[in-house]
PDB file of N, CA and C in Angstrom:
ATOM      1  N   UNK A   1     -32.457  24.807 -35.678  1.00  0.00           N
ATOM      2  CA  UNK A   1     -31.030  24.947 -35.738  1.00  0.00           C
ATOM      3  C   UNK A   1     -30.436  25.154 -34.337  1.00  0.00           C
ATOM      4  N   UNK A   2     -31.031  26.072 -33.550  1.00  0.00           N
ATOM      5  CA  UNK A   2     -30.573  26.293 -32.176  1.00  0.00           C
ATOM      6  C   UNK A   2     -30.696  25.017 -31.358  1.00  0.00           C
ATOM      7  N   UNK A   3     -31.755  24.284 -31.573  1.00  0.00           N
ATOM      8  CA  UNK A   3     -32.001  23.043 -30.842  1.00  0.00           C
ATOM      9  C   UNK A   3     -30.916  22.013 -31.151  1.00  0.00           C
ATOM     10  N   UNK A   4     -30.524  21.920 -32.413  1.00  0.00           N
ATOM     11  CA  UNK A   4     -29.480  20.968 -32.802  1.00  0.00           C
ATOM     12  C   UNK A   4     -28.125  21.366 -32.197  1.00  0.00           C
ATOM     13  N   UNK A   5     -27.831  22.648 -32.188  1.00  0.00           N
ATOM     14  CA  UNK A   5     -26.571  23.121 -31.606  1.00  0.00           C
ATOM     15  C   UNK A   5     -26.559  22.856 -30.107  1.00  0.00           C
ATOM     16  N   UNK A   6     -27.682  23.086 -29.445  1.00  0.00           N
ATOM     17  CA  UNK A   6     -27.777  22.818 -28.008  1.00  0.00           C
ATOM     18  C   UNK A   6     -27.550  21.347 -27.726  1.00  0.00           C
ATOM     19  N   UNK A   7     -28.171  20.474 -28.500  1.00  0.00           N
ATOM     20  CA  UNK A   7     -27.986  19.024 -28.319  1.00  0.00           C
ATOM     21  C   UNK A   7     -26.528  18.641 -28.547  1.00  0.00           C
ATOM     22  N   UNK A   8     -25.939  19.196 -29.600  1.00  0.00           N
ATOM     23  CA  UNK A   8     -24.546  18.894 -29.907  1.00  0.00           C
ATOM     24  C   UNK A   8     -23.637  19.324 -28.762  1.00  0.00           C
ATOM     25  N   UNK A   9     -23.864  20.501 -28.209  1.00  0.00           N
ATOM     26  CA  UNK A   9     -23.067  20.972 -27.086  1.00  0.00           C
ATOM     27  C   UNK A   9     -23.260  20.097 -25.853  1.00  0.00           C
ATOM     28  N   UNK A  10     -24.497  19.701 -25.595  1.00  0.00           N
ATOM     29  CA  UNK A  10     -24.772  18.847 -24.433  1.00  0.00           C
ATOM     30  C   UNK A  10     -24.106  17.489 -24.605  1.00  0.00           C
ATOM     31  N   UNK A  11     -24.285  16.880 -25.779  1.00  0.00           N
ATOM     32  CA  UNK A  11     -23.665  15.571 -26.031  1.00  0.00           C
ATOM     33  C   UNK A  11     -22.145  15.696 -25.982  1.00  0.00           C
ATOM     34  N   UNK A  12     -21.607  16.760 -26.584  1.00  0.00           N
ATOM     35  CA  UNK A  12     -20.158  16.975 -26.543  1.00  0.00           C
ATOM     36  C   UNK A  12     -19.649  17.154 -25.126  1.00  0.00           C
ATOM     37  N   UNK A  13     -20.415  17.882 -24.317  1.00  0.00           N
ATOM     38  CA  UNK A  13     -20.030  18.064 -22.920  1.00  0.00           C
ATOM     39  C   UNK A  13     -20.005  16.754 -22.146  1.00  0.00           C
ATOM     40  N   UNK A  14     -21.046  15.929 -22.347  1.00  0.00           N
ATOM     41  CA  UNK A  14     -21.076  14.623 -21.696  1.00  0.00           C
ATOM     42  C   UNK A  14     -19.917  13.750 -22.161  1.00  0.00           C
ATOM     43  N   UNK A  15     -19.650  13.784 -23.461  1.00  0.00           N
ATOM     44  CA  UNK A  15     -18.554  12.983 -24.004  1.00  0.00           C
ATOM     45  C   UNK A  15     -17.221  13.443 -23.416  1.00  0.00           C
ATOM     46  N   UNK A  16     -17.021  14.731 -23.342  1.00  0.00           N
ATOM     47  CA  UNK A  16     -15.792  15.268 -22.764  1.00  0.00           C
ATOM     48  C   UNK A  16     -15.638  14.851 -21.301  1.00  0.00           C
ATOM     49  N   UNK A  17     -16.721  14.935 -20.541  1.00  0.00           N
ATOM     50  CA  UNK A  17     -16.687  14.516 -19.133  1.00  0.00           C
ATOM     51  C   UNK A  17     -16.379  13.035 -19.001  1.00  0.00           C
ATOM     52  N   UNK A  18     -16.963  12.231 -19.864  1.00  0.00           N
ATOM     53  CA  UNK A  18     -16.733  10.789 -19.823  1.00  0.00           C
ATOM     54  C   UNK A  18     -15.269  10.465 -20.113  1.00  0.00           C
ATOM     55  N   UNK A  19     -14.727  11.058 -21.167  1.00  0.00           N
ATOM     56  CA  UNK A  19     -13.336  10.804 -21.539  1.00  0.00           C
ATOM     57  C   UNK A  19     -12.388  11.304 -20.446  1.00  0.00           C
ATOM     58  N   UNK A  20     -12.653  12.490 -19.926  1.00  0.00           N
ATOM     59  CA  UNK A  20     -11.799  13.026 -18.863  1.00  0.00           C
ATOM     60  C   UNK A  20     -11.856  12.150 -17.614  1.00  0.00           C
ATOM     61  N   UNK A  21     -13.041  11.684 -17.269  1.00  0.00           N
ATOM     62  CA  UNK A  21     -13.187  10.803 -16.109  1.00  0.00           C
ATOM     63  C   UNK A  21     -12.467   9.486 -16.302  1.00  0.00           C
ATOM     64  N   UNK A  22     -12.587   8.921 -17.496  1.00  0.00           N
ATOM     65  CA  UNK A  22     -11.904   7.654 -17.784  1.00  0.00           C
ATOM     66  C   UNK A  22     -10.397   7.843 -17.738  1.00  0.00           C
ATOM     67  N   UNK A  23      -9.907   8.944 -18.271  1.00  0.00           N
ATOM     68  CA  UNK A  23      -8.469   9.209 -18.252  1.00  0.00           C
ATOM     69  C   UNK A  23      -7.979   9.396 -16.819  1.00  0.00           C
ATOM     70  N   UNK A  24      -8.740  10.112 -16.021  1.00  0.00           N
ATOM     71  CA  UNK A  24      -8.361  10.345 -14.627  1.00  0.00           C
ATOM     72  C   UNK A  24      -8.261   9.039 -13.860  1.00  0.00           C
ATOM     73  N   UNK A  25      -9.229   8.159 -14.048  1.00  0.00           N
ATOM     74  CA  UNK A  25      -9.245   6.900 -13.300  1.00  0.00           C
ATOM     75  C   UNK A  25      -8.230   5.896 -13.821  1.00  0.00           C
ATOM     76  N   UNK A  26      -7.721   6.083 -15.017  1.00  0.00           N
ATOM     77  CA  UNK A  26      -6.733   5.154 -15.542  1.00  0.00           C
ATOM     78  C   UNK A  26      -5.313   5.499 -15.099  1.00  0.00           C
ATOM     79  N   UNK A  27      -5.119   6.679 -14.513  1.00  0.00           N
ATOM     80  CA  UNK A  27      -3.794   7.077 -14.041  1.00  0.00           C
ATOM     81  C   UNK A  27      -3.599   6.525 -12.632  1.00  0.00           C
ATOM     82  N   UNK A  28      -2.584   5.662 -12.456  1.00  0.00           N
ATOM     83  CA  UNK A  28      -2.366   5.048 -11.142  1.00  0.00           C
ATOM     84  C   UNK A  28      -2.122   6.086 -10.058  1.00  0.00           C
ATOM     85  N   UNK A  29      -2.697   5.828  -8.913  1.00  0.00           N
ATOM     86  CA  UNK A  29      -2.417   6.641  -7.744  1.00  0.00           C
ATOM     87  C   UNK A  29      -3.233   7.911  -7.619  1.00  0.00           C
ATOM     88  N   UNK A  30      -4.142   8.196  -8.551  1.00  0.00           N
ATOM     89  CA  UNK A  30      -4.872   9.443  -8.483  1.00  0.00           C
ATOM     90  C   UNK A  30      -6.237   9.317  -7.814  1.00  0.00           C
ATOM     91  N   UNK A  31      -6.728   8.120  -7.642  1.00  0.00           N
ATOM     92  CA  UNK A  31      -8.041   7.981  -7.039  1.00  0.00           C
ATOM     93  C   UNK A  31      -7.929   7.977  -5.521  1.00  0.00           C
ATOM     94  N   UNK A  32      -8.942   8.477  -4.893  1.00  0.00           N
ATOM     95  CA  UNK A  32      -8.969   8.521  -3.433  1.00  0.00           C
ATOM     96  C   UNK A  32      -8.966   7.106  -2.867  1.00  0.00           C
ATOM     97  N   UNK A  33      -9.723   6.212  -3.496  1.00  0.00           N
ATOM     98  CA  UNK A  33      -9.792   4.825  -3.012  1.00  0.00           C
ATOM     99  C   UNK A  33      -8.437   4.148  -3.108  1.00  0.00           C
ATOM    100  N   UNK A  34      -7.714   4.370  -4.195  1.00  0.00           N
ATOM    101  CA  UNK A  34      -6.398   3.754  -4.354  1.00  0.00           C
ATOM    102  C   UNK A  34      -5.421   4.293  -3.316  1.00  0.00           C
ATOM    103  N   UNK A  35      -5.492   5.584  -3.065  1.00  0.00           N
ATOM    104  CA  UNK A  35      -4.610   6.177  -2.054  1.00  0.00           C
ATOM    105  C   UNK A  35      -4.918   5.626  -0.674  1.00  0.00           C
ATOM    106  N   UNK A  36      -6.195   5.474  -0.360  1.00  0.00           N
ATOM    107  CA  UNK A  36      -6.584   4.919   0.937  1.00  0.00           C
ATOM    108  C   UNK A  36      -6.153   3.465   1.050  1.00  0.00           C
ATOM    109  N   UNK A  37      -6.309   2.709  -0.030  1.00  0.00           N
ATOM    110  CA  UNK A  37      -5.895   1.301  -0.025  1.00  0.00           C
ATOM    111  C   UNK A  37      -4.389   1.197   0.215  1.00  0.00           C
ATOM    112  N   UNK A  38      -3.617   2.079  -0.413  1.00  0.00           N
ATOM    113  CA  UNK A  38      -2.169   2.081  -0.219  1.00  0.00           C
ATOM    114  C   UNK A  38      -1.815   2.390   1.232  1.00  0.00           C
ATOM    115  N   UNK A  39      -2.479   3.395   1.808  1.00  0.00           N
ATOM    116  CA  UNK A  39      -2.222   3.738   3.217  1.00  0.00           C
ATOM    117  C   UNK A  39      -2.593   2.581   4.144  1.00  0.00           C
ATOM    118  N   UNK A  40      -3.723   1.934   3.879  1.00  0.00           N
ATOM    119  CA  UNK A  40      -4.157   0.808   4.711  1.00  0.00           C
ATOM    120  C   UNK A  40      -3.164  -0.344   4.635  1.00  0.00           C
ATOM    121  N   UNK A  41      -2.711  -0.654   3.422  1.00  0.00           N
ATOM    122  CA  UNK A  41      -1.752  -1.750   3.255  1.00  0.00           C
ATOM    123  C   UNK A  41      -0.440  -1.423   3.962  1.00  0.00           C
ATOM    124  N   UNK A  42       0.008  -0.205   3.824  1.00  0.00           N
ATOM    125  CA  UNK A  42       1.257   0.188   4.483  1.00  0.00           C
ATOM    126  C   UNK A  42       1.105   0.143   5.999  1.00  0.00           C
ATOM    127  N   UNK A  43      -0.056   0.537   6.495  1.00  0.00           N
ATOM    128  CA  UNK A  43      -0.305   0.483   7.940  1.00  0.00           C
ATOM    129  C   UNK A  43      -0.287  -0.960   8.441  1.00  0.00           C
ATOM    130  N   UNK A  44      -0.845  -1.875   7.653  1.00  0.00           N
ATOM    131  CA  UNK A  44      -0.849  -3.288   8.044  1.00  0.00           C
ATOM    132  C   UNK A  44       0.572  -3.838   8.120  1.00  0.00           C
ATOM    133  N   UNK A  45       1.379  -3.531   7.114  1.00  0.00           N
ATOM    134  CA  UNK A  45       2.760  -4.024   7.115  1.00  0.00           C
ATOM    135  C   UNK A  45       3.563  -3.363   8.236  1.00  0.00           C
ATOM    136  N   UNK A  46       3.326  -2.089   8.477  1.00  0.00           N
ATOM    137  CA  UNK A  46       4.022  -1.403   9.575  1.00  0.00           C
ATOM    138  C   UNK A  46       3.640  -2.024  10.915  1.00  0.00           C
ATOM    139  N   UNK A  47       2.379  -2.367  11.081  1.00  0.00           N
ATOM    140  CA  UNK A  47       1.930  -3.017  12.326  1.00  0.00           C
ATOM    141  C   UNK A  47       2.572  -4.394  12.469  1.00  0.00           C
ATOM    142  N   UNK A  48       2.647  -5.142  11.378  1.00  0.00           N
ATOM    143  CA  UNK A  48       3.303  -6.455  11.414  1.00  0.00           C
ATOM    144  C   UNK A  48       4.777  -6.301  11.782  1.00  0.00           C
ATOM    145  N   UNK A  49       5.416  -5.275  11.226  1.00  0.00           N
ATOM    146  CA  UNK A  49       6.819  -5.011  11.568  1.00  0.00           C
ATOM    147  C   UNK A  49       6.968  -4.720  13.054  1.00  0.00           C
ATOM    148  N   UNK A  50       6.053  -3.921  13.602  1.00  0.00           N
ATOM    149  CA  UNK A  50       6.102  -3.612  15.026  1.00  0.00           C
ATOM    150  C   UNK A  50       5.922  -4.868  15.880  1.00  0.00           C
ATOM    151  N   UNK A  51       5.032  -5.752  15.447  1.00  0.00           N
ATOM    152  CA  UNK A  51       4.834  -7.008  16.175  1.00  0.00           C
ATOM    153  C   UNK A  51       6.060  -7.906  16.073  1.00  0.00           C
ATOM    154  N   UNK A  52       6.720  -7.885  14.914  1.00  0.00           N
ATOM    155  CA  UNK A  52       7.960  -8.650  14.770  1.00  0.00           C
ATOM    156  C   UNK A  52       9.038  -8.116  15.719  1.00  0.00           C
ATOM    157  N   UNK A  53       9.120  -6.803  15.846  1.00  0.00           N
ATOM    158  CA  UNK A  53      10.083  -6.209  16.787  1.00  0.00           C
ATOM    159  C   UNK A  53       9.787  -6.653  18.217  1.00  0.00           C
ATOM    160  N   UNK A  54       8.499  -6.654  18.541  1.00  0.00           N
ATOM    161  CA  UNK A  54       8.103  -7.095  19.887  1.00  0.00           C
ATOM    162  C   UNK A  54       8.447  -8.570  20.097  1.00  0.00           C
ATOM    163  N   UNK A  55       8.192  -9.386  19.094  1.00  0.00           N
ATOM    164  CA  UNK A  55       8.517 -10.812  19.193  1.00  0.00           C
ATOM    165  C   UNK A  55      10.024 -11.007  19.352  1.00  0.00           C
ATOM    166  N   UNK A  56      10.806 -10.231  18.601  1.00  0.00           N
ATOM    167  CA  UNK A  56      12.257 -10.346  18.709  1.00  0.00           C
ATOM    168  C   UNK A  56      12.730  -9.992  20.120  1.00  0.00           C
ATOM    169  N   UNK A  57      12.173  -8.935  20.681  1.00  0.00           N
ATOM    170  CA  UNK A  57      12.542  -8.537  22.039  1.00  0.00           C
ATOM    171  C   UNK A  57      12.176  -9.614  23.055  1.00  0.00           C
ATOM    172  N   UNK A  58      11.003 -10.226  22.880  1.00  0.00           N
ATOM    173  CA  UNK A  58      10.603 -11.299  23.795  1.00  0.00           C
ATOM    174  C   UNK A  58      11.534 -12.505  23.675  1.00  0.00           C
ATOM    175  N   UNK A  59      11.876 -12.859  22.447  1.00  0.00           N
ATOM    176  CA  UNK A  59      12.807 -13.979  22.255  1.00  0.00           C
ATOM    177  C   UNK A  59      14.166 -13.667  22.878  1.00  0.00           C
ATOM    178  N   UNK A  60      14.641 -12.457  22.649  1.00  0.00           N
ATOM    179  CA  UNK A  60      15.971 -12.086  23.147  1.00  0.00           C
ATOM    180  C   UNK A  60      16.019 -12.036  24.670  1.00  0.00           C
ATOM    181  N   UNK A  61      14.900 -11.677  25.292  1.00  0.00           N
ATOM    182  CA  UNK A  61      14.898 -11.562  26.746  1.00  0.00           C
ATOM    183  C   UNK A  61      14.562 -12.869  27.458  1.00  0.00           C
ATOM    184  N   UNK A  62      14.187 -13.892  26.713  1.00  0.00           N
ATOM    185  CA  UNK A  62      13.874 -15.184  27.332  1.00  0.00           C
ATOM    186  C   UNK A  62      15.165 -15.841  27.821  1.00  0.00           C
ATOM    187  N   UNK A  63      15.202 -16.219  29.104  1.00  0.00           N
ATOM    188  CA  UNK A  63      16.413 -16.839  29.628  1.00  0.00           C
ATOM    189  C   UNK A  63      16.595 -18.256  29.084  1.00  0.00           C
ATOM    190  N   UNK A  64      17.818 -18.638  28.871  1.00  0.00           N
ATOM    191  CA  UNK A  64      18.117 -19.988  28.399  1.00  0.00           C
ATOM    192  C   UNK A  64      18.468 -19.988  26.922  1.00  0.00           C
ATOM    193  N   UNK A  65      19.004 -21.113  26.500  1.00  0.00           N
ATOM    194  CA  UNK A  65      19.470 -21.242  25.121  1.00  0.00           C
ATOM    195  C   UNK A  65      18.449 -21.931  24.221  1.00  0.00           C
ATOM    196  N   UNK A  66      17.624 -22.792  24.778  1.00  0.00           N
ATOM    197  CA  UNK A  66      16.616 -23.544  24.018  1.00  0.00           C
ATOM    198  C   UNK A  66      17.248 -24.361  22.899  1.00  0.00           C
ATOM    199  N   UNK A  67      18.424 -24.899  23.199  1.00  0.00           N
ATOM    200  CA  UNK A  67      19.090 -25.771  22.227  1.00  0.00           C
ATOM    201  C   UNK A  67      19.481 -25.047  20.948  1.00  0.00           C
ATOM    202  N   UNK A  68      19.683 -23.750  21.020  1.00  0.00           N
ATOM    203  CA  UNK A  68      20.063 -22.961  19.847  1.00  0.00           C
ATOM    204  C   UNK A  68      18.888 -22.499  18.998  1.00  0.00           C
ATOM    205  N   UNK A  69      17.704 -22.987  19.313  1.00  0.00           N
ATOM    206  CA  UNK A  69      16.529 -22.630  18.516  1.00  0.00           C
ATOM    207  C   UNK A  69      16.091 -21.184  18.728  1.00  0.00           C
ATOM    208  N   UNK A  70      16.289 -20.670  19.932  1.00  0.00           N
ATOM    209  CA  UNK A  70      15.941 -19.268  20.174  1.00  0.00           C
ATOM    210  C   UNK A  70      16.769 -18.363  19.281  1.00  0.00           C
ATOM    211  N   UNK A  71      18.077 -18.631  19.184  1.00  0.00           N
ATOM    212  CA  UNK A  71      18.941 -17.809  18.339  1.00  0.00           C
ATOM    213  C   UNK A  71      18.557 -17.935  16.858  1.00  0.00           C
ATOM    214  N   UNK A  72      18.183 -19.133  16.441  1.00  0.00           N
ATOM    215  CA  UNK A  72      17.719 -19.320  15.060  1.00  0.00           C
ATOM    216  C   UNK A  72      16.424 -18.543  14.814  1.00  0.00           C
ATOM    217  N   UNK A  73      15.542 -18.560  15.810  1.00  0.00           N
ATOM    218  CA  UNK A  73      14.281 -17.824  15.681  1.00  0.00           C
ATOM    219  C   UNK A  73      14.542 -16.323  15.591  1.00  0.00           C
ATOM    220  N   UNK A  74      15.471 -15.827  16.402  1.00  0.00           N
ATOM    221  CA  UNK A  74      15.823 -14.403  16.359  1.00  0.00           C
ATOM    222  C   UNK A  74      16.369 -14.038  14.979  1.00  0.00           C
ATOM    223  N   UNK A  75      17.207 -14.909  14.428  1.00  0.00           N
ATOM    224  CA  UNK A  75      17.765 -14.664  13.097  1.00  0.00           C
ATOM    225  C   UNK A  75      16.658 -14.590  12.045  1.00  0.00           C
ATOM    226  N   UNK A  76      15.709 -15.493  12.121  1.00  0.00           N
ATOM    227  CA  UNK A  76      14.603 -15.485  11.155  1.00  0.00           C
ATOM    228  C   UNK A  76      13.692 -14.269  11.336  1.00  0.00           C
ATOM    229  N   UNK A  77      13.487 -13.856  12.577  1.00  0.00           N
ATOM    230  CA  UNK A  77      12.691 -12.653  12.818  1.00  0.00           C
ATOM    231  C   UNK A  77      13.431 -11.429  12.265  1.00  0.00           C
ATOM    232  N   UNK A  78      14.756 -11.399  12.431  1.00  0.00           N
ATOM    233  CA  UNK A  78      15.540 -10.304  11.862  1.00  0.00           C
ATOM    234  C   UNK A  78      15.399 -10.266  10.338  1.00  0.00           C
ATOM    235  N   UNK A  79      15.403 -11.434   9.703  1.00  0.00           N
ATOM    236  CA  UNK A  79      15.203 -11.507   8.254  1.00  0.00           C
ATOM    237  C   UNK A  79      13.809 -10.989   7.879  1.00  0.00           C
ATOM    238  N   UNK A  80      12.810 -11.385   8.650  1.00  0.00           N
ATOM    239  CA  UNK A  80      11.443 -10.926   8.388  1.00  0.00           C
ATOM    240  C   UNK A  80      11.322  -9.421   8.574  1.00  0.00           C
ATOM    241  N   UNK A  81      12.000  -8.890   9.583  1.00  0.00           N
ATOM    242  CA  UNK A  81      12.008  -7.433   9.795  1.00  0.00           C
ATOM    243  C   UNK A  81      12.623  -6.717   8.594  1.00  0.00           C
ATOM    244  N   UNK A  82      13.702  -7.271   8.079  1.00  0.00           N
ATOM    245  CA  UNK A  82      14.339  -6.685   6.905  1.00  0.00           C
ATOM    246  C   UNK A  82      13.401  -6.683   5.706  1.00  0.00           C
ATOM    247  N   UNK A  83      12.685  -7.786   5.506  1.00  0.00           N
ATOM    248  CA  UNK A  83      11.732  -7.872   4.398  1.00  0.00           C
ATOM    249  C   UNK A  83      10.568  -6.900   4.581  1.00  0.00           C
ATOM    250  N   UNK A  84      10.085  -6.768   5.795  1.00  0.00           N
ATOM    251  CA  UNK A  84       8.988  -5.830   6.060  1.00  0.00           C
ATOM    252  C   UNK A  84       9.440  -4.401   5.789  1.00  0.00           C
ATOM    253  N   UNK A  85      10.647  -4.067   6.203  1.00  0.00           N
ATOM    254  CA  UNK A  85      11.174  -2.727   5.938  1.00  0.00           C
ATOM    255  C   UNK A  85      11.347  -2.488   4.440  1.00  0.00           C
ATOM    256  N   UNK A  86      11.829  -3.503   3.717  1.00  0.00           N
ATOM    257  CA  UNK A  86      11.964  -3.388   2.263  1.00  0.00           C
ATOM    258  C   UNK A  86      10.601  -3.221   1.602  1.00  0.00           C
ATOM    259  N   UNK A  87       9.608  -3.967   2.082  1.00  0.00           N
ATOM    260  CA  UNK A  87       8.269  -3.863   1.524  1.00  0.00           C
ATOM    261  C   UNK A  87       7.710  -2.456   1.702  1.00  0.00           C
ATOM    262  N   UNK A  88       7.895  -1.891   2.880  1.00  0.00           N
ATOM    263  CA  UNK A  88       7.424  -0.538   3.137  1.00  0.00           C
ATOM    264  C   UNK A  88       8.145   0.493   2.273  1.00  0.00           C
ATOM    265  N   UNK A  89       9.437   0.329   2.135  1.00  0.00           N
ATOM    266  CA  UNK A  89      10.213   1.266   1.305  1.00  0.00           C
ATOM    267  C   UNK A  89       9.802   1.169  -0.156  1.00  0.00           C
ATOM    268  N   UNK A  90       9.598  -0.058  -0.631  1.00  0.00           N
ATOM    269  CA  UNK A  90       9.181  -0.261  -2.021  1.00  0.00           C
ATOM    270  C   UNK A  90       7.817   0.347  -2.264  1.00  0.00           C
ATOM    271  N   UNK A  91       6.880   0.068  -1.372  1.00  0.00           N
ATOM    272  CA  UNK A  91       5.509   0.580  -1.552  1.00  0.00           C
ATOM    273  C   UNK A  91       5.456   2.105  -1.474  1.00  0.00           C
ATOM    274  N   UNK A  92       6.307   2.683  -0.643  1.00  0.00           N
ATOM    275  CA  UNK A  92       6.338   4.141  -0.521  1.00  0.00           C
ATOM    276  C   UNK A  92       6.793   4.809  -1.810  1.00  0.00           C
ATOM    277  N   UNK A  93       7.573   4.099  -2.606  1.00  0.00           N
ATOM    278  CA  UNK A  93       8.102   4.677  -3.848  1.00  0.00           C
ATOM    279  C   UNK A  93       7.292   4.301  -5.078  1.00  0.00           C
ATOM    280  N   UNK A  94       6.269   3.460  -4.920  1.00  0.00           N
ATOM    281  CA  UNK A  94       5.427   3.084  -6.059  1.00  0.00           C
ATOM    282  C   UNK A  94       4.515   4.244  -6.432  1.00  0.00           C
ATOM    283  N   UNK A  95       4.067   4.248  -7.661  1.00  0.00           N
ATOM    284  CA  UNK A  95       3.166   5.295  -8.137  1.00  0.00           C
ATOM    285  C   UNK A  95       1.713   4.942  -7.972  1.00  0.00           C
ATOM    286  N   UNK A  96       1.414   3.795  -7.368  1.00  0.00           N
ATOM    287  CA  UNK A  96      -0.004   3.423  -7.183  1.00  0.00           C
ATOM    288  C   UNK A  96      -0.247   2.880  -5.828  1.00  0.00           C
TER     289      UNK A  96
END
């Protein structure tokens, strides 16, 4: 009888641990790996944004008009900067 109760408690304990572990991993944003992946992705986009800023400064400081293409390029870089900033803001507010 004691042996059966011990087995039942052990099996119940394992089952409880399994269910709790599965529930924990199914909740977005709670795993260490997911948090690290989010930080890495945000760092990549932030770095791309910084490079876009640098590219914009180089375009703006280049002498000459380049037939209007430099100004068009600056406009497109500004659009890309806006999208990168939106991406970072969106990702910062996500739950995963």
